[in-house]
Amino acid sequence: MKTFAILTAVTAALVVTALPASAATKHHRHYVSHAARGAYASQPQIACTVVGCMPIPRRCHPEMGYTPNGTPTGFDVAVCGNTTLYGNRR
């Protein structure tokens, strides 16, 4: 009789612990169509320059800024082609 009560308690505990695990396995994914992906505006890149953090113009990218003698400043410069905005680069 004692083993039957222990076996029943163990079985009940296993059933209770298995129920939330099976309920959590359902995944819902949000799919965006290819047409909708092209409709979203792209976010501009941000460079933290000497004058503050700001979005940089299109066709530019941030790079590490340097002083005229080559020491890193810790700030970014915006590089647009062969020119830089807000500082020097190597």
N, C-alpha and C. Protein backbone atom coordinates (compact mmCIF):
# COMPACT_ATOMS: atom_id res chain seq x y z
N MET A 1 0.81 -1.19 0.00
CA MET A 1 0.00 0.00 0.00
C MET A 1 0.86 1.26 0.00
N LYS A 2 1.95 1.21 0.78
CA LYS A 2 2.85 2.36 0.83
C LYS A 2 3.50 2.60 -0.54
N THR A 3 3.92 1.56 -1.22
CA THR A 3 4.55 1.72 -2.53
C THR A 3 3.56 2.26 -3.54
N PHE A 4 2.30 1.87 -3.43
CA PHE A 4 1.29 2.37 -4.35
C PHE A 4 1.09 3.88 -4.16
N ALA A 5 1.09 4.36 -2.92
CA ALA A 5 0.93 5.79 -2.64
C ALA A 5 2.16 6.56 -3.14
N ILE A 6 3.34 6.03 -2.96
CA ILE A 6 4.56 6.70 -3.43
C ILE A 6 4.58 6.73 -4.95
N LEU A 7 4.21 5.61 -5.58
CA LEU A 7 4.17 5.55 -7.03
C LEU A 7 3.15 6.53 -7.60
N THR A 8 2.01 6.67 -6.96
CA THR A 8 0.99 7.62 -7.40
C THR A 8 1.48 9.06 -7.25
N ALA A 9 2.16 9.37 -6.16
CA ALA A 9 2.68 10.72 -5.94
C ALA A 9 3.76 11.06 -6.95
N VAL A 10 4.63 10.12 -7.26
CA VAL A 10 5.69 10.36 -8.24
C VAL A 10 5.09 10.56 -9.62
N THR A 11 4.11 9.76 -9.98
CA THR A 11 3.45 9.88 -11.28
C THR A 11 2.75 11.23 -11.40
N ALA A 12 2.07 11.66 -10.35
CA ALA A 12 1.39 12.95 -10.37
C ALA A 12 2.39 14.08 -10.50
N ALA A 13 3.52 13.98 -9.83
CA ALA A 13 4.54 15.03 -9.92
C ALA A 13 5.13 15.10 -11.32
N LEU A 14 5.33 13.96 -11.96
CA LEU A 14 5.85 13.96 -13.33
C LEU A 14 4.85 14.55 -14.31
N VAL A 15 3.58 14.26 -14.12
CA VAL A 15 2.56 14.81 -15.02
C VAL A 15 2.47 16.32 -14.86
N VAL A 16 2.53 16.82 -13.64
CA VAL A 16 2.43 18.26 -13.40
C VAL A 16 3.64 19.00 -13.97
N THR A 17 4.83 18.43 -13.85
CA THR A 17 6.01 19.11 -14.38
C THR A 17 6.10 19.00 -15.89
N ALA A 18 5.49 17.99 -16.51
CA ALA A 18 5.55 17.83 -17.95
C ALA A 18 4.57 18.73 -18.68
N LEU A 19 3.49 19.13 -18.05
CA LEU A 19 2.47 19.94 -18.73
C LEU A 19 2.98 21.32 -19.14
N PRO A 20 3.62 22.13 -18.28
CA PRO A 20 4.08 23.44 -18.74
C PRO A 20 5.16 23.35 -19.82
N ALA A 21 5.97 22.30 -19.79
CA ALA A 21 7.01 22.16 -20.80
C ALA A 21 6.41 21.91 -22.18
N SER A 22 5.35 21.13 -22.24
CA SER A 22 4.74 20.86 -23.53
C SER A 22 3.98 22.09 -24.04
N ALA A 23 3.45 22.91 -23.15
CA ALA A 23 2.74 24.11 -23.58
C ALA A 23 3.70 25.18 -24.08
N ALA A 24 4.93 25.16 -23.60
CA ALA A 24 5.88 26.20 -23.99
C ALA A 24 6.58 25.91 -25.31
N THR A 25 6.32 24.77 -25.92
CA THR A 25 7.04 24.43 -27.14
C THR A 25 6.39 25.03 -28.39
N LYS A 26 5.24 25.66 -28.28
CA LYS A 26 4.60 26.24 -29.45
C LYS A 26 5.24 27.59 -29.77
N HIS A 27 5.79 27.72 -30.96
CA HIS A 27 6.44 28.94 -31.38
C HIS A 27 5.60 29.62 -32.45
N HIS A 28 5.44 30.92 -32.32
CA HIS A 28 4.76 31.70 -33.32
C HIS A 28 5.76 32.65 -33.94
N ARG A 29 5.88 32.61 -35.25
CA ARG A 29 6.83 33.48 -35.93
C ARG A 29 6.08 34.51 -36.75
N HIS A 30 6.65 35.68 -36.81
CA HIS A 30 6.07 36.75 -37.59
C HIS A 30 6.87 36.88 -38.88
N TYR A 31 6.20 36.63 -39.99
CA TYR A 31 6.87 36.71 -41.28
C TYR A 31 6.47 37.99 -41.98
N VAL A 32 7.44 38.67 -42.57
CA VAL A 32 7.20 39.89 -43.32
C VAL A 32 7.46 39.57 -44.78
N SER A 33 6.54 39.96 -45.64
CA SER A 33 6.70 39.66 -47.06
C SER A 33 7.88 40.44 -47.64
N HIS A 34 8.36 39.98 -48.78
CA HIS A 34 9.49 40.65 -49.43
C HIS A 34 9.11 42.06 -49.86
N ALA A 35 7.87 42.27 -50.25
CA ALA A 35 7.43 43.60 -50.66
C ALA A 35 7.41 44.56 -49.47
N ALA A 36 7.01 44.06 -48.32
CA ALA A 36 6.96 44.91 -47.13
C ALA A 36 8.35 45.23 -46.62
N ARG A 37 9.31 44.32 -46.78
CA ARG A 37 10.67 44.59 -46.32
C ARG A 37 11.29 45.77 -47.05
N GLY A 38 11.02 45.91 -48.31
CA GLY A 38 11.56 47.01 -49.08
C GLY A 38 10.90 48.34 -48.76
N ALA A 39 9.73 48.30 -48.12
CA ALA A 39 9.01 49.53 -47.83
C ALA A 39 9.53 50.24 -46.58
N TYR A 40 10.24 49.53 -45.72
CA TYR A 40 10.74 50.14 -44.50
C TYR A 40 11.94 51.03 -44.82
N ALA A 41 11.99 52.20 -44.18
CA ALA A 41 13.11 53.12 -44.38
C ALA A 41 14.32 52.60 -43.62
N SER A 42 15.49 52.68 -44.22
CA SER A 42 16.70 52.25 -43.55
C SER A 42 17.12 53.31 -42.53
N GLN A 43 17.66 52.86 -41.44
CA GLN A 43 18.09 53.77 -40.38
C GLN A 43 19.47 54.32 -40.71
N PRO A 44 19.70 55.62 -40.51
CA PRO A 44 21.02 56.18 -40.80
C PRO A 44 22.04 55.72 -39.75
N GLN A 45 23.30 55.64 -40.17
CA GLN A 45 24.35 55.30 -39.22
C GLN A 45 24.63 56.52 -38.35
N ILE A 46 25.11 56.27 -37.15
CA ILE A 46 25.39 57.34 -36.20
C ILE A 46 26.88 57.32 -35.88
N ALA A 47 27.49 58.49 -35.90
CA ALA A 47 28.90 58.63 -35.53
C ALA A 47 28.98 59.54 -34.32
N CYS A 48 29.70 59.13 -33.30
CA CYS A 48 29.91 59.95 -32.11
C CYS A 48 31.20 60.74 -32.33
N THR A 49 31.04 61.96 -32.81
CA THR A 49 32.17 62.80 -33.17
C THR A 49 32.52 63.75 -32.03
N VAL A 50 33.47 64.63 -32.28
CA VAL A 50 33.89 65.61 -31.28
C VAL A 50 32.74 66.56 -30.94
N VAL A 51 31.87 66.82 -31.90
CA VAL A 51 30.76 67.76 -31.68
C VAL A 51 29.51 67.06 -31.18
N GLY A 52 29.52 65.76 -30.98
CA GLY A 52 28.38 65.02 -30.46
C GLY A 52 28.01 63.85 -31.35
N CYS A 53 27.06 63.04 -30.90
CA CYS A 53 26.59 61.90 -31.69
C CYS A 53 25.50 62.36 -32.62
N MET A 54 25.66 62.05 -33.90
CA MET A 54 24.69 62.51 -34.90
C MET A 54 24.64 61.54 -36.06
N PRO A 55 23.52 61.52 -36.80
CA PRO A 55 23.47 60.67 -37.98
C PRO A 55 24.38 61.23 -39.06
N ILE A 56 25.03 60.34 -39.78
CA ILE A 56 25.94 60.80 -40.83
C ILE A 56 25.23 60.68 -42.18
N PRO A 57 25.66 61.46 -43.18
CA PRO A 57 25.00 61.44 -44.48
C PRO A 57 25.09 60.07 -45.17
N ARG A 58 24.20 59.86 -46.12
CA ARG A 58 24.25 58.63 -46.91
C ARG A 58 25.55 58.57 -47.68
N ARG A 59 25.96 57.37 -48.02
CA ARG A 59 27.22 57.09 -48.73
C ARG A 59 28.45 57.47 -47.90
N CYS A 60 28.28 57.63 -46.59
CA CYS A 60 29.39 57.89 -45.68
C CYS A 60 29.41 56.78 -44.64
N HIS A 61 30.54 56.60 -43.99
CA HIS A 61 30.63 55.60 -42.93
C HIS A 61 31.54 56.12 -41.82
N PRO A 62 31.31 55.69 -40.58
CA PRO A 62 32.15 56.15 -39.47
C PRO A 62 33.46 55.36 -39.40
N GLU A 63 34.53 56.08 -39.06
CA GLU A 63 35.84 55.47 -38.80
C GLU A 63 36.42 56.11 -37.56
N MET A 64 37.47 55.50 -37.02
CA MET A 64 38.15 56.02 -35.84
C MET A 64 38.85 57.32 -36.19
N GLY A 65 38.71 58.32 -35.31
CA GLY A 65 39.37 59.61 -35.54
C GLY A 65 40.74 59.68 -34.89
N TYR A 66 41.63 60.45 -35.50
CA TYR A 66 43.00 60.61 -35.00
C TYR A 66 43.35 62.08 -34.96
N THR A 67 44.30 62.44 -34.09
CA THR A 67 44.85 63.79 -34.07
C THR A 67 45.81 63.94 -35.24
N PRO A 68 46.24 65.16 -35.58
CA PRO A 68 47.18 65.32 -36.69
C PRO A 68 48.50 64.57 -36.50
N ASN A 69 48.91 64.30 -35.25
CA ASN A 69 50.17 63.56 -35.05
C ASN A 69 49.95 62.05 -34.96
N GLY A 70 48.71 61.54 -35.14
CA GLY A 70 48.45 60.11 -35.21
C GLY A 70 47.92 59.45 -33.96
N THR A 71 47.67 60.21 -32.89
CA THR A 71 47.13 59.64 -31.67
C THR A 71 45.61 59.46 -31.81
N PRO A 72 45.05 58.31 -31.42
CA PRO A 72 43.60 58.13 -31.51
C PRO A 72 42.88 59.10 -30.56
N THR A 73 41.78 59.68 -31.04
CA THR A 73 41.03 60.63 -30.23
C THR A 73 39.94 59.97 -29.40
N GLY A 74 39.47 58.79 -29.82
CA GLY A 74 38.34 58.15 -29.14
C GLY A 74 37.02 58.57 -29.73
N PHE A 75 37.04 59.44 -30.72
CA PHE A 75 35.83 59.88 -31.40
C PHE A 75 35.82 59.34 -32.82
N ASP A 76 34.64 59.35 -33.44
CA ASP A 76 34.51 58.92 -34.82
C ASP A 76 34.65 60.10 -35.75
N VAL A 77 34.98 59.81 -36.99
CA VAL A 77 34.90 60.78 -38.08
C VAL A 77 34.04 60.15 -39.16
N ALA A 78 33.30 60.97 -39.89
CA ALA A 78 32.48 60.47 -40.99
C ALA A 78 33.32 60.55 -42.26
N VAL A 79 33.51 59.43 -42.92
CA VAL A 79 34.30 59.37 -44.14
C VAL A 79 33.35 59.29 -45.32
N CYS A 80 33.45 60.27 -46.22
CA CYS A 80 32.62 60.33 -47.42
C CYS A 80 33.55 60.38 -48.62
N GLY A 81 33.79 59.23 -49.23
CA GLY A 81 34.74 59.18 -50.35
C GLY A 81 36.15 59.42 -49.85
N ASN A 82 36.81 60.48 -50.35
CA ASN A 82 38.17 60.83 -49.92
C ASN A 82 38.20 61.92 -48.87
N THR A 83 37.05 62.44 -48.47
CA THR A 83 37.00 63.52 -47.48
C THR A 83 36.46 63.00 -46.16
N THR A 84 36.77 63.74 -45.09
CA THR A 84 36.26 63.38 -43.77
C THR A 84 35.50 64.56 -43.19
N LEU A 85 34.53 64.22 -42.36
CA LEU A 85 33.78 65.24 -41.64
C LEU A 85 34.10 65.09 -40.16
N TYR A 86 34.28 66.18 -39.47
CA TYR A 86 34.45 66.21 -38.01
C TYR A 86 35.75 65.61 -37.52
N GLY A 87 36.85 65.72 -38.24
CA GLY A 87 38.12 65.24 -37.72
C GLY A 87 39.03 64.66 -38.80
N ASN A 88 40.08 64.01 -38.33
CA ASN A 88 41.10 63.43 -39.21
C ASN A 88 41.05 61.91 -39.13
N ARG A 89 41.50 61.26 -40.19
CA ARG A 89 41.68 59.82 -40.15
C ARG A 89 43.10 59.51 -40.64
N ARG A 90 43.55 58.33 -40.38
CA ARG A 90 44.90 57.93 -40.80
C ARG A 90 44.98 57.73 -42.26
